């Protein structure tokens, strides 16, 4: 399965949202772009379910997801304050 709007989306051992690592070799971790889609509510099933399952078993990705969530909350707060 691939996410339709992403390129280089295949990695080993994970059939959800994915992308090749910066060194062009496969990485078993979720990309920042996919985490941003997840936290912005723009990721659709079945990719959403696969990403959520991966977050349950991968501490590095779960940590990155939390950091992205915090960043997006800061951005949202700034947008609200701007209005």
N, C-alpha and C. Protein backbone atom coordinates (compact mmCIF):
# COMPACT_ATOMS: atom_id res chain seq x y z
N UNK A 1 0.84 -1.18 0.00
CA UNK A 1 0.00 0.00 0.00
C UNK A 1 0.88 1.24 0.00
N UNK A 2 0.46 2.25 -0.69
CA UNK A 2 1.18 3.51 -0.69
C UNK A 2 0.23 4.64 -0.41
N UNK A 3 0.76 5.72 0.09
CA UNK A 3 0.00 6.94 0.29
C UNK A 3 0.03 7.66 -1.04
N UNK A 4 -1.12 7.97 -1.67
CA UNK A 4 -1.15 8.43 -3.05
C UNK A 4 -0.35 9.69 -3.35
N UNK A 5 -0.23 10.60 -2.43
CA UNK A 5 0.44 11.86 -2.71
C UNK A 5 1.91 11.86 -2.32
N UNK A 6 2.44 10.73 -1.91
CA UNK A 6 3.82 10.65 -1.47
C UNK A 6 4.65 9.88 -2.50
N UNK A 7 5.92 10.19 -2.59
CA UNK A 7 6.84 9.43 -3.44
C UNK A 7 7.78 8.62 -2.57
N UNK A 8 8.41 7.61 -3.16
CA UNK A 8 9.36 6.76 -2.43
C UNK A 8 8.76 6.25 -1.14
N UNK A 9 7.61 5.60 -1.23
CA UNK A 9 6.88 5.26 -0.02
C UNK A 9 7.04 3.83 0.45
N UNK A 10 8.06 3.11 0.02
CA UNK A 10 8.19 1.73 0.46
C UNK A 10 9.33 1.57 1.47
N UNK A 11 9.02 0.89 2.56
CA UNK A 11 10.03 0.53 3.55
C UNK A 11 9.82 -0.92 3.93
N UNK A 12 10.80 -1.52 4.57
CA UNK A 12 10.71 -2.91 5.00
C UNK A 12 9.92 -3.02 6.29
N UNK A 13 9.01 -3.96 6.35
CA UNK A 13 8.33 -4.31 7.59
C UNK A 13 7.22 -3.39 8.01
N UNK A 14 6.81 -2.46 7.20
CA UNK A 14 5.74 -1.54 7.57
C UNK A 14 4.97 -1.18 6.32
N UNK A 15 3.68 -1.52 6.27
CA UNK A 15 2.87 -1.31 5.08
C UNK A 15 2.03 -0.04 5.14
N UNK A 16 2.37 0.88 6.00
CA UNK A 16 1.59 2.10 6.11
C UNK A 16 2.31 3.29 5.53
N UNK A 17 2.01 4.46 6.02
CA UNK A 17 2.66 5.67 5.55
C UNK A 17 4.16 5.53 5.71
N UNK A 18 4.89 5.86 4.69
CA UNK A 18 6.33 5.62 4.73
C UNK A 18 7.04 6.38 3.63
N UNK A 19 8.32 6.49 3.77
CA UNK A 19 9.14 7.14 2.74
C UNK A 19 10.58 6.69 2.93
N UNK A 20 11.34 6.71 1.86
CA UNK A 20 12.75 6.33 1.97
C UNK A 20 13.48 7.33 2.84
N UNK A 21 14.48 6.85 3.56
CA UNK A 21 15.28 7.72 4.41
C UNK A 21 16.09 8.68 3.57
N UNK A 22 16.66 9.67 4.22
CA UNK A 22 17.43 10.70 3.52
C UNK A 22 18.57 10.11 2.70
N UNK A 23 19.11 8.98 3.14
CA UNK A 23 20.20 8.36 2.40
C UNK A 23 19.69 7.45 1.27
N UNK A 24 18.40 7.54 0.97
CA UNK A 24 17.75 6.78 -0.10
C UNK A 24 17.63 5.29 0.18
N UNK A 25 17.99 4.85 1.36
CA UNK A 25 17.77 3.46 1.75
C UNK A 25 16.50 3.39 2.57
N UNK A 26 15.87 2.25 2.59
CA UNK A 26 14.62 2.12 3.31
C UNK A 26 14.80 2.31 4.80
N UNK A 27 13.78 2.90 5.44
CA UNK A 27 13.77 3.13 6.87
C UNK A 27 12.47 2.60 7.44
N UNK A 28 12.50 1.94 8.59
CA UNK A 28 11.27 1.40 9.17
C UNK A 28 10.47 2.44 9.94
N UNK A 29 10.84 3.69 9.87
CA UNK A 29 10.18 4.72 10.66
C UNK A 29 9.29 5.62 9.81
N UNK A 30 8.30 6.17 10.47
CA UNK A 30 7.34 7.08 9.83
C UNK A 30 8.04 8.42 9.59
N UNK A 31 7.76 9.03 8.46
CA UNK A 31 8.39 10.31 8.14
C UNK A 31 7.71 11.46 8.89
N UNK A 32 8.42 12.56 9.00
CA UNK A 32 7.84 13.75 9.61
C UNK A 32 6.63 14.23 8.82
N UNK A 33 6.72 14.13 7.50
CA UNK A 33 5.59 14.55 6.66
C UNK A 33 4.34 13.75 6.95
N UNK A 34 4.49 12.44 7.11
CA UNK A 34 3.33 11.61 7.43
C UNK A 34 2.82 11.89 8.84
N UNK A 35 3.72 12.19 9.77
CA UNK A 35 3.27 12.55 11.12
C UNK A 35 2.51 13.87 11.09
N UNK A 36 2.94 14.81 10.26
CA UNK A 36 2.22 16.07 10.13
C UNK A 36 0.82 15.83 9.57
N UNK A 37 0.72 14.96 8.54
CA UNK A 37 -0.60 14.62 8.00
C UNK A 37 -1.48 13.98 9.07
N UNK A 38 -0.90 13.11 9.84
CA UNK A 38 -1.63 12.43 10.91
C UNK A 38 -2.19 13.44 11.91
N UNK A 39 -1.35 14.35 12.36
CA UNK A 39 -1.78 15.31 13.37
C UNK A 39 -2.66 16.42 12.82
N UNK A 40 -2.63 16.64 11.53
CA UNK A 40 -3.50 17.65 10.94
C UNK A 40 -4.85 17.07 10.55
N UNK A 41 -5.01 15.75 10.71
CA UNK A 41 -6.27 15.11 10.39
C UNK A 41 -6.47 14.85 8.91
N UNK A 42 -5.40 14.92 8.13
CA UNK A 42 -5.51 14.76 6.68
C UNK A 42 -5.17 13.35 6.19
N UNK A 43 -4.81 12.46 7.10
CA UNK A 43 -4.48 11.10 6.70
C UNK A 43 -5.75 10.26 6.74
N UNK A 44 -5.95 9.46 5.70
CA UNK A 44 -7.16 8.66 5.59
C UNK A 44 -6.86 7.17 5.80
N UNK A 45 -7.92 6.43 6.11
CA UNK A 45 -7.80 4.98 6.24
C UNK A 45 -7.48 4.40 4.87
N UNK A 46 -6.78 3.31 4.78
CA UNK A 46 -6.24 2.48 5.85
C UNK A 46 -4.87 2.95 6.35
N UNK A 47 -4.30 3.95 5.69
CA UNK A 47 -2.99 4.44 6.12
C UNK A 47 -3.03 4.93 7.56
N UNK A 48 -4.13 5.55 7.96
CA UNK A 48 -4.27 6.05 9.33
C UNK A 48 -4.17 4.91 10.33
N UNK A 49 -4.88 3.82 10.09
CA UNK A 49 -4.85 2.67 11.01
C UNK A 49 -3.45 2.07 11.10
N UNK A 50 -2.79 1.95 9.98
CA UNK A 50 -1.43 1.39 9.98
C UNK A 50 -0.46 2.29 10.72
N UNK A 51 -0.59 3.59 10.54
CA UNK A 51 0.28 4.52 11.26
C UNK A 51 0.04 4.42 12.76
N UNK A 52 -1.22 4.38 13.17
CA UNK A 52 -1.54 4.28 14.60
C UNK A 52 -0.99 2.98 15.19
N UNK A 53 -1.10 1.89 14.47
CA UNK A 53 -0.56 0.61 14.95
C UNK A 53 0.96 0.69 15.08
N UNK A 54 1.61 1.32 14.11
CA UNK A 54 3.07 1.45 14.16
C UNK A 54 3.50 2.28 15.37
N UNK A 55 2.76 3.35 15.67
CA UNK A 55 3.10 4.19 16.82
C UNK A 55 3.04 3.42 18.13
N UNK A 56 2.20 2.41 18.20
CA UNK A 56 2.08 1.61 19.42
C UNK A 56 3.29 0.73 19.67
N UNK A 57 4.01 0.37 18.61
CA UNK A 57 5.12 -0.58 18.76
C UNK A 57 6.49 0.03 18.49
N UNK A 58 6.54 1.31 18.12
CA UNK A 58 7.82 1.93 17.77
C UNK A 58 8.06 3.17 18.63
N UNK A 59 8.83 3.04 19.73
CA UNK A 59 9.08 4.18 20.60
C UNK A 59 9.70 5.40 19.89
N UNK A 60 10.65 5.23 18.96
CA UNK A 60 11.19 6.42 18.29
C UNK A 60 10.13 7.19 17.50
N UNK A 61 9.26 6.46 16.81
CA UNK A 61 8.20 7.13 16.05
C UNK A 61 7.17 7.76 16.99
N UNK A 62 6.86 7.08 18.10
CA UNK A 62 5.92 7.64 19.07
C UNK A 62 6.46 8.94 19.66
N UNK A 63 7.76 8.97 19.92
CA UNK A 63 8.38 10.20 20.43
C UNK A 63 8.31 11.32 19.40
N UNK A 64 8.65 10.98 18.16
CA UNK A 64 8.59 11.99 17.09
C UNK A 64 7.16 12.49 16.90
N UNK A 65 6.17 11.59 17.04
CA UNK A 65 4.77 11.97 16.92
C UNK A 65 4.39 12.97 18.00
N UNK A 66 4.88 12.75 19.21
CA UNK A 66 4.60 13.68 20.31
C UNK A 66 5.24 15.05 20.06
N UNK A 67 6.46 15.06 19.56
CA UNK A 67 7.14 16.32 19.25
C UNK A 67 6.39 17.08 18.15
N UNK A 68 5.96 16.36 17.11
CA UNK A 68 5.19 16.99 16.03
C UNK A 68 3.88 17.55 16.58
N UNK A 69 3.22 16.81 17.46
CA UNK A 69 1.96 17.27 18.05
C UNK A 69 2.18 18.57 18.82
N UNK A 70 3.26 18.64 19.59
CA UNK A 70 3.57 19.86 20.34
C UNK A 70 3.84 21.03 19.39
N UNK A 71 4.60 20.78 18.33
CA UNK A 71 4.89 21.83 17.36
C UNK A 71 3.62 22.33 16.69
N UNK A 72 2.75 21.41 16.30
CA UNK A 72 1.51 21.81 15.64
C UNK A 72 0.60 22.57 16.60
N UNK A 73 0.61 22.22 17.87
CA UNK A 73 -0.17 22.98 18.85
C UNK A 73 0.34 24.41 18.99
N UNK A 74 1.65 24.59 18.95
CA UNK A 74 2.24 25.93 19.01
C UNK A 74 1.84 26.73 17.77
N UNK A 75 1.90 26.08 16.62
CA UNK A 75 1.52 26.76 15.37
C UNK A 75 0.05 27.15 15.41
N UNK A 76 -0.81 26.24 15.85
CA UNK A 76 -2.25 26.55 15.94
C UNK A 76 -2.50 27.71 16.90
N UNK A 77 -1.81 27.70 18.04
CA UNK A 77 -1.98 28.77 19.01
C UNK A 77 -1.55 30.11 18.41
N UNK A 78 -0.46 30.09 17.63
CA UNK A 78 0.00 31.31 16.97
C UNK A 78 -0.99 31.82 15.95
N UNK A 79 -1.62 30.91 15.23
CA UNK A 79 -2.62 31.31 14.24
C UNK A 79 -3.84 31.91 14.92
N UNK A 80 -4.28 31.29 16.02
CA UNK A 80 -5.42 31.81 16.76
C UNK A 80 -5.10 33.19 17.33
N UNK A 81 -3.89 33.35 17.87
CA UNK A 81 -3.49 34.64 18.44
C UNK A 81 -3.39 35.71 17.35
N UNK A 82 -3.01 35.30 16.15
CA UNK A 82 -2.86 36.24 15.03
C UNK A 82 -4.20 36.84 14.64
N UNK A 83 -5.25 35.99 14.67
CA UNK A 83 -6.59 36.46 14.30
C UNK A 83 -7.09 37.38 15.34
